[in-house]
PDB file of all heavy atoms in Angstrom:
ATOM      1  N   ALA A   1       0.803  -1.207  -0.001  1.00  0.00           N
ATOM      2  CA  ALA A   1       0.024   0.011  -0.015  1.00  0.00           C
ATOM      3  C   ALA A   1       0.908   1.247  -0.003  1.00  0.00           C
ATOM      4  O   ALA A   1       0.586   2.187  -0.720  1.00  0.00           O
ATOM      5  CB  ALA A   1      -0.920   0.001   1.219  1.00  0.00           C
ATOM      6  N   GLU A   2       1.896   1.213   0.820  1.00  0.00           N
ATOM      7  CA  GLU A   2       2.840   2.352   0.820  1.00  0.00           C
ATOM      8  C   GLU A   2       3.427   2.621  -0.485  1.00  0.00           C
ATOM      9  O   GLU A   2       3.533   3.750  -0.940  1.00  0.00           O
ATOM     10  CB  GLU A   2       3.927   2.140   1.897  1.00  0.00           C
ATOM     11  CG  GLU A   2       4.838   3.281   2.072  1.00  0.00           C
ATOM     12  CD  GLU A   2       5.871   3.044   3.126  1.00  0.00           C
ATOM     13  OE1 GLU A   2       5.655   2.240   4.008  1.00  0.00           O
ATOM     14  OE2 GLU A   2       6.978   3.665   3.059  1.00  0.00           O
ATOM     15  N   TYR A   3       3.818   1.542  -1.195  1.00  0.00           N
ATOM     16  CA  TYR A   3       4.451   1.655  -2.500  1.00  0.00           C
ATOM     17  C   TYR A   3       3.464   2.096  -3.571  1.00  0.00           C
ATOM     18  O   TYR A   3       3.682   3.000  -4.358  1.00  0.00           O
ATOM     19  CB  TYR A   3       5.106   0.353  -2.883  1.00  0.00           C
ATOM     20  CG  TYR A   3       5.603   0.322  -4.314  1.00  0.00           C
ATOM     21  CD1 TYR A   3       6.762   0.997  -4.682  1.00  0.00           C
ATOM     22  CD2 TYR A   3       4.898  -0.326  -5.296  1.00  0.00           C
ATOM     23  CE1 TYR A   3       7.172   1.012  -6.002  1.00  0.00           C
ATOM     24  CE2 TYR A   3       5.318  -0.316  -6.616  1.00  0.00           C
ATOM     25  CZ  TYR A   3       6.479   0.339  -6.963  1.00  0.00           C
ATOM     26  OH  TYR A   3       6.897   0.317  -8.244  1.00  0.00           O
ATOM     27  N   ALA A   4       2.300   1.402  -3.622  1.00  0.00           N
ATOM     28  CA  ALA A   4       1.377   1.609  -4.736  1.00  0.00           C
ATOM     29  C   ALA A   4       0.513   2.861  -4.583  1.00  0.00           C
ATOM     30  O   ALA A   4       0.213   3.521  -5.538  1.00  0.00           O
ATOM     31  CB  ALA A   4       0.467   0.390  -4.842  1.00  0.00           C
ATOM     32  N   LEU A   5       0.153   3.166  -3.316  1.00  0.00           N
ATOM     33  CA  LEU A   5      -0.835   4.221  -3.096  1.00  0.00           C
ATOM     34  C   LEU A   5      -0.185   5.590  -2.775  1.00  0.00           C
ATOM     35  O   LEU A   5      -0.789   6.607  -3.000  1.00  0.00           O
ATOM     36  CB  LEU A   5      -1.844   3.834  -2.035  1.00  0.00           C
ATOM     37  CG  LEU A   5      -2.554   2.503  -2.296  1.00  0.00           C
ATOM     38  CD1 LEU A   5      -3.549   2.224  -1.202  1.00  0.00           C
ATOM     39  CD2 LEU A   5      -3.244   2.503  -3.646  1.00  0.00           C
ATOM     40  N   GLN A   6       0.962   5.592  -2.161  1.00  0.00           N
ATOM     41  CA  GLN A   6       1.736   6.761  -1.875  1.00  0.00           C
ATOM     42  C   GLN A   6       0.917   7.949  -1.367  1.00  0.00           C
ATOM     43  O   GLN A   6       0.431   8.757  -2.143  1.00  0.00           O
ATOM     44  CB  GLN A   6       2.511   7.213  -3.137  1.00  0.00           C
ATOM     45  CG  GLN A   6       3.457   6.137  -3.617  1.00  0.00           C
ATOM     46  CD  GLN A   6       3.953   6.397  -5.012  1.00  0.00           C
ATOM     47  OE1 GLN A   6       3.510   7.241  -5.737  1.00  0.00           O
ATOM     48  NE2 GLN A   6       4.909   5.573  -5.446  1.00  0.00           N
ATOM     49  N   ASN A   7       0.791   8.025  -0.081  1.00  0.00           N
ATOM     50  CA  ASN A   7       0.083   9.178   0.549  1.00  0.00           C
ATOM     51  C   ASN A   7      -1.393   9.282   0.188  1.00  0.00           C
ATOM     52  O   ASN A   7      -1.870  10.361  -0.147  1.00  0.00           O
ATOM     53  CB  ASN A   7       0.804  10.489   0.231  1.00  0.00           C
ATOM     54  CG  ASN A   7       2.220  10.523   0.653  1.00  0.00           C
ATOM     55  OD1 ASN A   7       2.534  10.009   1.727  1.00  0.00           O
ATOM     56  ND2 ASN A   7       3.078  11.126  -0.156  1.00  0.00           N
ATOM     57  N   LEU A   8      -2.071   8.185   0.303  1.00  0.00           N
ATOM     58  CA  LEU A   8      -3.533   8.195   0.043  1.00  0.00           C
ATOM     59  C   LEU A   8      -4.178   9.399   0.738  1.00  0.00           C
ATOM     60  O   LEU A   8      -3.859   9.638   1.921  1.00  0.00           O
ATOM     61  CB  LEU A   8      -4.140   6.873   0.539  1.00  0.00           C
ATOM     62  CG  LEU A   8      -5.637   6.803   0.437  1.00  0.00           C
ATOM     63  CD1 LEU A   8      -6.122   6.748  -0.994  1.00  0.00           C
ATOM     64  CD2 LEU A   8      -6.120   5.566   1.232  1.00  0.00           C
ATOM     65  N   SER A   9      -5.052  10.087   0.094  1.00  0.00           N
ATOM     66  CA  SER A   9      -5.704  11.261   0.670  1.00  0.00           C
ATOM     67  C   SER A   9      -7.195  11.132   0.573  1.00  0.00           C
ATOM     68  O   SER A   9      -7.725  10.445  -0.363  1.00  0.00           O
ATOM     69  CB  SER A   9      -5.190  12.508  -0.113  1.00  0.00           C
ATOM     70  OG  SER A   9      -5.712  13.680   0.483  1.00  0.00           O
ATOM     71  N   LEU A  10      -7.944  11.798   1.439  1.00  0.00           N
ATOM     72  CA  LEU A  10      -9.409  11.783   1.432  1.00  0.00           C
ATOM     73  C   LEU A  10      -9.881  13.190   1.101  1.00  0.00           C
ATOM     74  O   LEU A  10      -9.469  14.160   1.698  1.00  0.00           O
ATOM     75  CB  LEU A  10      -9.956  11.373   2.790  1.00  0.00           C
ATOM     76  CG  LEU A  10     -11.442  11.364   2.932  1.00  0.00           C
ATOM     77  CD1 LEU A  10     -12.029  10.223   2.124  1.00  0.00           C
ATOM     78  CD2 LEU A  10     -11.868  11.242   4.383  1.00  0.00           C
ATOM     79  N   ALA A  11     -10.714  13.315   0.067  1.00  0.00           N
ATOM     80  CA  ALA A  11     -11.380  14.559  -0.306  1.00  0.00           C
ATOM     81  C   ALA A  11     -12.818  14.498   0.317  1.00  0.00           C
ATOM     82  O   ALA A  11     -13.474  13.552   0.114  1.00  0.00           O
ATOM     83  CB  ALA A  11     -11.427  14.720  -1.788  1.00  0.00           C
ATOM     84  N   PRO A  12     -13.174  15.558   1.035  1.00  0.00           N
ATOM     85  CA  PRO A  12     -14.504  15.535   1.638  1.00  0.00           C
ATOM     86  C   PRO A  12     -15.615  15.444   0.612  1.00  0.00           C
ATOM     87  O   PRO A  12     -15.456  15.861  -0.535  1.00  0.00           O
ATOM     88  CB  PRO A  12     -14.580  16.870   2.426  1.00  0.00           C
ATOM     89  CG  PRO A  12     -13.404  17.634   2.014  1.00  0.00           C
ATOM     90  CD  PRO A  12     -12.461  16.759   1.245  1.00  0.00           C
ATOM     91  N   PHE A  13     -16.750  14.962   1.057  1.00  0.00           N
ATOM     92  CA  PHE A  13     -17.872  14.759   0.182  1.00  0.00           C
ATOM     93  C   PHE A  13     -18.310  16.092  -0.440  1.00  0.00           C
ATOM     94  O   PHE A  13     -18.328  17.102   0.247  1.00  0.00           O
ATOM     95  CB  PHE A  13     -19.088  14.137   0.882  1.00  0.00           C
ATOM     96  CG  PHE A  13     -20.263  14.004  -0.051  1.00  0.00           C
ATOM     97  CD1 PHE A  13     -20.327  12.973  -1.007  1.00  0.00           C
ATOM     98  CD2 PHE A  13     -21.276  14.938  -0.043  1.00  0.00           C
ATOM     99  CE1 PHE A  13     -21.375  12.876  -1.879  1.00  0.00           C
ATOM    100  CE2 PHE A  13     -22.350  14.826  -0.936  1.00  0.00           C
ATOM    101  CZ  PHE A  13     -22.390  13.777  -1.840  1.00  0.00           C
ATOM    102  N   ALA A  14     -18.644  16.062  -1.725  1.00  0.00           N
ATOM    103  CA  ALA A  14     -19.201  17.235  -2.454  1.00  0.00           C
ATOM    104  C   ALA A  14     -20.122  16.673  -3.556  1.00  0.00           C
ATOM    105  O   ALA A  14     -19.987  15.540  -3.988  1.00  0.00           O
ATOM    106  CB  ALA A  14     -18.083  18.040  -3.051  1.00  0.00           C
ATOM    107  N   PRO A  15     -21.145  17.482  -3.965  1.00  0.00           N
ATOM    108  CA  PRO A  15     -22.037  16.966  -4.961  1.00  0.00           C
ATOM    109  C   PRO A  15     -21.314  16.586  -6.290  1.00  0.00           C
ATOM    110  O   PRO A  15     -20.325  17.214  -6.656  1.00  0.00           O
ATOM    111  CB  PRO A  15     -22.940  18.199  -5.213  1.00  0.00           C
ATOM    112  CG  PRO A  15     -22.894  18.969  -3.912  1.00  0.00           C
ATOM    113  CD  PRO A  15     -21.480  18.759  -3.433  1.00  0.00           C
ATOM    114  N   LEU A  16     -21.793  15.548  -6.907  1.00  0.00           N
ATOM    115  CA  LEU A  16     -21.184  15.020  -8.130  1.00  0.00           C
ATOM    116  C   LEU A  16     -21.185  16.121  -9.201  1.00  0.00           C
ATOM    117  O   LEU A  16     -22.118  16.863  -9.373  1.00  0.00           O
ATOM    118  CB  LEU A  16     -22.004  13.854  -8.640  1.00  0.00           C
ATOM    119  CG  LEU A  16     -22.301  12.734  -7.641  1.00  0.00           C
ATOM    120  CD1 LEU A  16     -23.000  11.597  -8.333  1.00  0.00           C
ATOM    121  CD2 LEU A  16     -21.057  12.263  -6.967  1.00  0.00           C
ATOM    122  N   GLY A  17     -20.062  16.190  -9.921  1.00  0.00           N
ATOM    123  CA  GLY A  17     -19.921  17.161 -11.023  1.00  0.00           C
ATOM    124  C   GLY A  17     -19.795  18.635 -10.596  1.00  0.00           C
ATOM    125  O   GLY A  17     -19.777  19.536 -11.445  1.00  0.00           O
ATOM    126  N   SER A  18     -19.691  18.889  -9.321  1.00  0.00           N
ATOM    127  CA  SER A  18     -19.666  20.247  -8.822  1.00  0.00           C
ATOM    128  C   SER A  18     -18.272  20.916  -8.807  1.00  0.00           C
ATOM    129  O   SER A  18     -17.254  20.193  -8.846  1.00  0.00           O
ATOM    130  CB  SER A  18     -20.255  20.349  -7.386  1.00  0.00           C
ATOM    131  OG  SER A  18     -19.354  19.691  -6.450  1.00  0.00           O
ATOM    132  N   GLU A  19     -18.246  22.214  -8.748  1.00  0.00           N
ATOM    133  CA  GLU A  19     -16.992  22.950  -8.612  1.00  0.00           C
ATOM    134  C   GLU A  19     -16.369  22.604  -7.283  1.00  0.00           C
ATOM    135  O   GLU A  19     -15.116  22.486  -7.165  1.00  0.00           O
ATOM    136  CB  GLU A  19     -17.283  24.479  -8.656  1.00  0.00           C
ATOM    137  CG  GLU A  19     -17.672  24.988 -10.024  1.00  0.00           C
ATOM    138  CD  GLU A  19     -16.492  25.043 -10.980  1.00  0.00           C
ATOM    139  OE1 GLU A  19     -15.342  24.922 -10.595  1.00  0.00           O
ATOM    140  OE2 GLU A  19     -16.788  25.229 -12.180  1.00  0.00           O
ATOM    141  N   THR A  20     -17.175  22.396  -6.257  1.00  0.00           N
ATOM    142  CA  THR A  20     -16.643  22.011  -4.923  1.00  0.00           C
ATOM    143  C   THR A  20     -15.901  20.701  -4.991  1.00  0.00           C
ATOM    144  O   THR A  20     -14.821  20.543  -4.432  1.00  0.00           O
ATOM    145  CB  THR A  20     -17.808  21.911  -3.879  1.00  0.00           C
ATOM    146  OG1 THR A  20     -18.521  23.143  -3.905  1.00  0.00           O
ATOM    147  CG2 THR A  20     -17.301  21.664  -2.486  1.00  0.00           C
ATOM    148  N   LEU A  21     -16.499  19.729  -5.710  1.00  0.00           N
ATOM    149  CA  LEU A  21     -15.793  18.429  -5.870  1.00  0.00           C
ATOM    150  C   LEU A  21     -14.508  18.597  -6.615  1.00  0.00           C
ATOM    151  O   LEU A  21     -13.453  18.075  -6.256  1.00  0.00           O
ATOM    152  CB  LEU A  21     -16.726  17.459  -6.597  1.00  0.00           C
ATOM    153  CG  LEU A  21     -16.118  16.089  -6.924  1.00  0.00           C
ATOM    154  CD1 LEU A  21     -15.744  15.319  -5.640  1.00  0.00           C
ATOM    155  CD2 LEU A  21     -17.052  15.264  -7.760  1.00  0.00           C
ATOM    156  N   ALA A  22     -14.569  19.385  -7.683  1.00  0.00           N
ATOM    157  CA  ALA A  22     -13.342  19.624  -8.498  1.00  0.00           C
ATOM    158  C   ALA A  22     -12.264  20.294  -7.666  1.00  0.00           C
ATOM    159  O   ALA A  22     -11.047  19.864  -7.723  1.00  0.00           O
ATOM    160  CB  ALA A  22     -13.718  20.517  -9.700  1.00  0.00           C
ATOM    161  N   ARG A  23     -12.566  21.281  -6.866  1.00  0.00           N
ATOM    162  CA  ARG A  23     -11.608  21.942  -6.009  1.00  0.00           C
ATOM    163  C   ARG A  23     -11.020  21.000  -4.954  1.00  0.00           C
ATOM    164  O   ARG A  23      -9.825  20.978  -4.706  1.00  0.00           O
ATOM    165  CB  ARG A  23     -12.207  23.167  -5.354  1.00  0.00           C
ATOM    166  CG  ARG A  23     -12.282  24.417  -6.196  1.00  0.00           C
ATOM    167  CD  ARG A  23     -12.585  25.659  -5.414  1.00  0.00           C
ATOM    168  NE  ARG A  23     -13.768  25.552  -4.592  1.00  0.00           N
ATOM    169  CZ  ARG A  23     -15.027  25.825  -5.011  1.00  0.00           C
ATOM    170  NH1 ARG A  23     -15.243  26.261  -6.200  1.00  0.00           N
ATOM    171  NH2 ARG A  23     -16.047  25.665  -4.164  1.00  0.00           N
ATOM    172  N   GLY A  24     -11.894  20.229  -4.331  1.00  0.00           N
ATOM    173  CA  GLY A  24     -11.454  19.289  -3.271  1.00  0.00           C
ATOM    174  C   GLY A  24     -10.557  18.184  -3.817  1.00  0.00           C
ATOM    175  O   GLY A  24      -9.533  17.910  -3.222  1.00  0.00           O
ATOM    176  N   ALA A  25     -10.853  17.694  -4.995  1.00  0.00           N
ATOM    177  CA  ALA A  25     -10.003  16.705  -5.618  1.00  0.00           C
ATOM    178  C   ALA A  25      -8.673  17.261  -6.055  1.00  0.00           C
ATOM    179  O   ALA A  25      -7.640  16.669  -5.848  1.00  0.00           O
ATOM    180  CB  ALA A  25     -10.725  16.036  -6.805  1.00  0.00           C
ATOM    181  N   ALA A  26      -8.706  18.481  -6.579  1.00  0.00           N
ATOM    182  CA  ALA A  26      -7.468  19.091  -7.029  1.00  0.00           C
ATOM    183  C   ALA A  26      -6.571  19.443  -5.836  1.00  0.00           C
ATOM    184  O   ALA A  26      -5.330  19.274  -5.909  1.00  0.00           O
ATOM    185  CB  ALA A  26      -7.776  20.384  -7.810  1.00  0.00           C
ATOM    186  N   THR A  27      -7.146  19.897  -4.736  1.00  0.00           N
ATOM    187  CA  THR A  27      -6.383  20.138  -3.510  1.00  0.00           C
ATOM    188  C   THR A  27      -5.727  18.871  -2.992  1.00  0.00           C
ATOM    189  O   THR A  27      -4.550  18.839  -2.712  1.00  0.00           O
ATOM    190  CB  THR A  27      -7.279  20.764  -2.455  1.00  0.00           C
ATOM    191  OG1 THR A  27      -7.769  22.009  -2.930  1.00  0.00           O
ATOM    192  CG2 THR A  27      -6.514  20.979  -1.155  1.00  0.00           C
ATOM    193  N   ALA A  28      -6.508  17.774  -2.967  1.00  0.00           N
ATOM    194  CA  ALA A  28      -5.977  16.502  -2.500  1.00  0.00           C
ATOM    195  C   ALA A  28      -4.875  15.996  -3.434  1.00  0.00           C
ATOM    196  O   ALA A  28      -3.860  15.444  -2.978  1.00  0.00           O
ATOM    197  CB  ALA A  28      -7.076  15.470  -2.385  1.00  0.00           C
ATOM    198  N   ALA A  29      -5.018  16.225  -4.771  1.00  0.00           N
ATOM    199  CA  ALA A  29      -4.098  15.714  -5.725  1.00  0.00           C
ATOM    200  C   ALA A  29      -2.726  16.346  -5.623  1.00  0.00           C
ATOM    201  O   ALA A  29      -1.749  15.870  -6.197  1.00  0.00           O
ATOM    202  CB  ALA A  29      -4.640  15.944  -7.131  1.00  0.00           C
ATOM    203  N   GLN A  30      -2.611  17.486  -4.959  1.00  0.00           N
ATOM    204  CA  GLN A  30      -1.298  18.164  -4.876  1.00  0.00           C
ATOM    205  C   GLN A  30      -0.283  17.351  -4.108  1.00  0.00           C
ATOM    206  O   GLN A  30       0.915  17.515  -4.318  1.00  0.00           O
ATOM    207  CB  GLN A  30      -1.465  19.527  -4.208  1.00  0.00           C
ATOM    208  CG  GLN A  30      -2.225  20.500  -5.108  1.00  0.00           C
ATOM    209  CD  GLN A  30      -2.525  21.805  -4.404  1.00  0.00           C
ATOM    210  OE1 GLN A  30      -2.028  22.091  -3.306  1.00  0.00           O
ATOM    211  NE2 GLN A  30      -3.351  22.602  -5.044  1.00  0.00           N
ATOM    212  N   ASN A  31      -0.763  16.410  -3.259  1.00  0.00           N
ATOM    213  CA  ASN A  31       0.179  15.626  -2.432  1.00  0.00           C
ATOM    214  C   ASN A  31       0.110  14.128  -2.662  1.00  0.00           C
ATOM    215  O   ASN A  31       0.761  13.353  -1.923  1.00  0.00           O
ATOM    216  CB  ASN A  31      -0.110  15.899  -0.959  1.00  0.00           C
ATOM    217  CG  ASN A  31       0.034  17.355  -0.604  1.00  0.00           C
ATOM    218  OD1 ASN A  31       1.039  17.934  -0.955  1.00  0.00           O
ATOM    219  ND2 ASN A  31      -0.980  17.935   0.037  1.00  0.00           N
ATOM    220  N   THR A  32      -0.671  13.686  -3.678  1.00  0.00           N
ATOM    221  CA  THR A  32      -0.815  12.235  -3.846  1.00  0.00           C
ATOM    222  C   THR A  32      -1.271  11.908  -5.255  1.00  0.00           C
ATOM    223  O   THR A  32      -1.751  12.820  -5.976  1.00  0.00           O
ATOM    224  CB  THR A  32      -1.837  11.646  -2.847  1.00  0.00           C
ATOM    225  OG1 THR A  32      -1.869  10.225  -2.958  1.00  0.00           O
ATOM    226  CG2 THR A  32      -3.229  12.212  -3.077  1.00  0.00           C
ATOM    227  N   ASN A  33      -1.132  10.664  -5.607  1.00  0.00           N
ATOM    228  CA  ASN A  33      -1.704  10.142  -6.900  1.00  0.00           C
ATOM    229  C   ASN A  33      -2.931   9.271  -6.616  1.00  0.00           C
ATOM    230  O   ASN A  33      -3.448   8.645  -7.563  1.00  0.00           O
ATOM    231  CB  ASN A  33      -0.637   9.340  -7.649  1.00  0.00           C
ATOM    232  CG  ASN A  33       0.422  10.233  -8.141  1.00  0.00           C
ATOM    233  OD1 ASN A  33       0.187  11.383  -8.555  1.00  0.00           O
ATOM    234  ND2 ASN A  33       1.651   9.720  -8.260  1.00  0.00           N
ATOM    235  N   THR A  34      -3.358   9.153  -5.385  1.00  0.00           N
ATOM    236  CA  THR A  34      -4.454   8.303  -5.019  1.00  0.00           C
ATOM    237  C   THR A  34      -5.389   9.069  -4.072  1.00  0.00           C
ATOM    238  O   THR A  34      -5.007   9.428  -2.987  1.00  0.00           O
ATOM    239  CB  THR A  34      -4.025   7.018  -4.352  1.00  0.00           C
ATOM    240  OG1 THR A  34      -2.978   6.408  -5.096  1.00  0.00           O
ATOM    241  CG2 THR A  34      -5.125   6.017  -4.202  1.00  0.00           C
ATOM    242  N   ILE A  35      -6.588   9.296  -4.525  1.00  0.00           N
ATOM    243  CA  ILE A  35      -7.577  10.075  -3.738  1.00  0.00           C
ATOM    244  C   ILE A  35      -8.841   9.303  -3.518  1.00  0.00           C
ATOM    245  O   ILE A  35      -9.439   8.791  -4.502  1.00  0.00           O
ATOM    246  CB  ILE A  35      -7.926  11.392  -4.457  1.00  0.00           C
ATOM    247  CG1 ILE A  35      -6.646  12.164  -4.805  1.00  0.00           C
ATOM    248  CG2 ILE A  35      -8.897  12.248  -3.655  1.00  0.00           C
ATOM    249  CD1 ILE A  35      -6.823  13.138  -5.934  1.00  0.00           C
ATOM    250  N   LEU A  36      -9.288   9.220  -2.292  1.00  0.00           N
ATOM    251  CA  LEU A  36     -10.619   8.700  -1.986  1.00  0.00           C
ATOM    252  C   LEU A  36     -11.551   9.905  -1.924  1.00  0.00           C
ATOM    253  O   LEU A  36     -11.290  10.913  -1.302  1.00  0.00           O
ATOM    254  CB  LEU A  36     -10.686   7.981  -0.650  1.00  0.00           C
ATOM    255  CG  LEU A  36     -10.436   6.539  -0.641  1.00  0.00           C
ATOM    256  CD1 LEU A  36     -10.496   5.984   0.829  1.00  0.00           C
ATOM    257  CD2 LEU A  36     -11.351   5.761  -1.494  1.00  0.00           C
ATOM    258  N   LEU A  37     -12.680   9.822  -2.633  1.00  0.00           N
ATOM    259  CA  LEU A  37     -13.709  10.810  -2.584  1.00  0.00           C
ATOM    260  C   LEU A  37     -14.770  10.313  -1.620  1.00  0.00           C
ATOM    261  O   LEU A  37     -15.451   9.312  -1.843  1.00  0.00           O
ATOM    262  CB  LEU A  37     -14.358  11.031  -3.944  1.00  0.00           C
ATOM    263  CG  LEU A  37     -13.406  11.400  -5.081  1.00  0.00           C
ATOM    264  CD1 LEU A  37     -14.123  11.420  -6.424  1.00  0.00           C
ATOM    265  CD2 LEU A  37     -12.725  12.763  -4.838  1.00  0.00           C
ATOM    266  N   GLU A  38     -14.917  10.979  -0.453  1.00  0.00           N
ATOM    267  CA  GLU A  38     -15.775  10.532   0.568  1.00  0.00           C
ATOM    268  C   GLU A  38     -17.175  10.184   0.003  1.00  0.00           C
ATOM    269  O   GLU A  38     -17.786  11.007  -0.676  1.00  0.00           O
ATOM    270  CB  GLU A  38     -15.865  11.564   1.683  1.00  0.00           C
ATOM    271  CG  GLU A  38     -16.658  11.098   2.861  1.00  0.00           C
ATOM    272  CD  GLU A  38     -16.667  12.188   3.945  1.00  0.00           C
ATOM    273  OE1 GLU A  38     -16.439  13.350   3.668  1.00  0.00           O
ATOM    274  OE2 GLU A  38     -16.908  11.813   5.135  1.00  0.00           O
TER     275      GLU A  38
END
């Protein structure tokens, strides 16, 4: 998991297709290549 997922991050829930979701995912992506969308 440490090798494959590298700093798994959680983005807080936001409505599908929303600007809020886009911003949350982009913020999480700054530190990881693997993001869980709550």
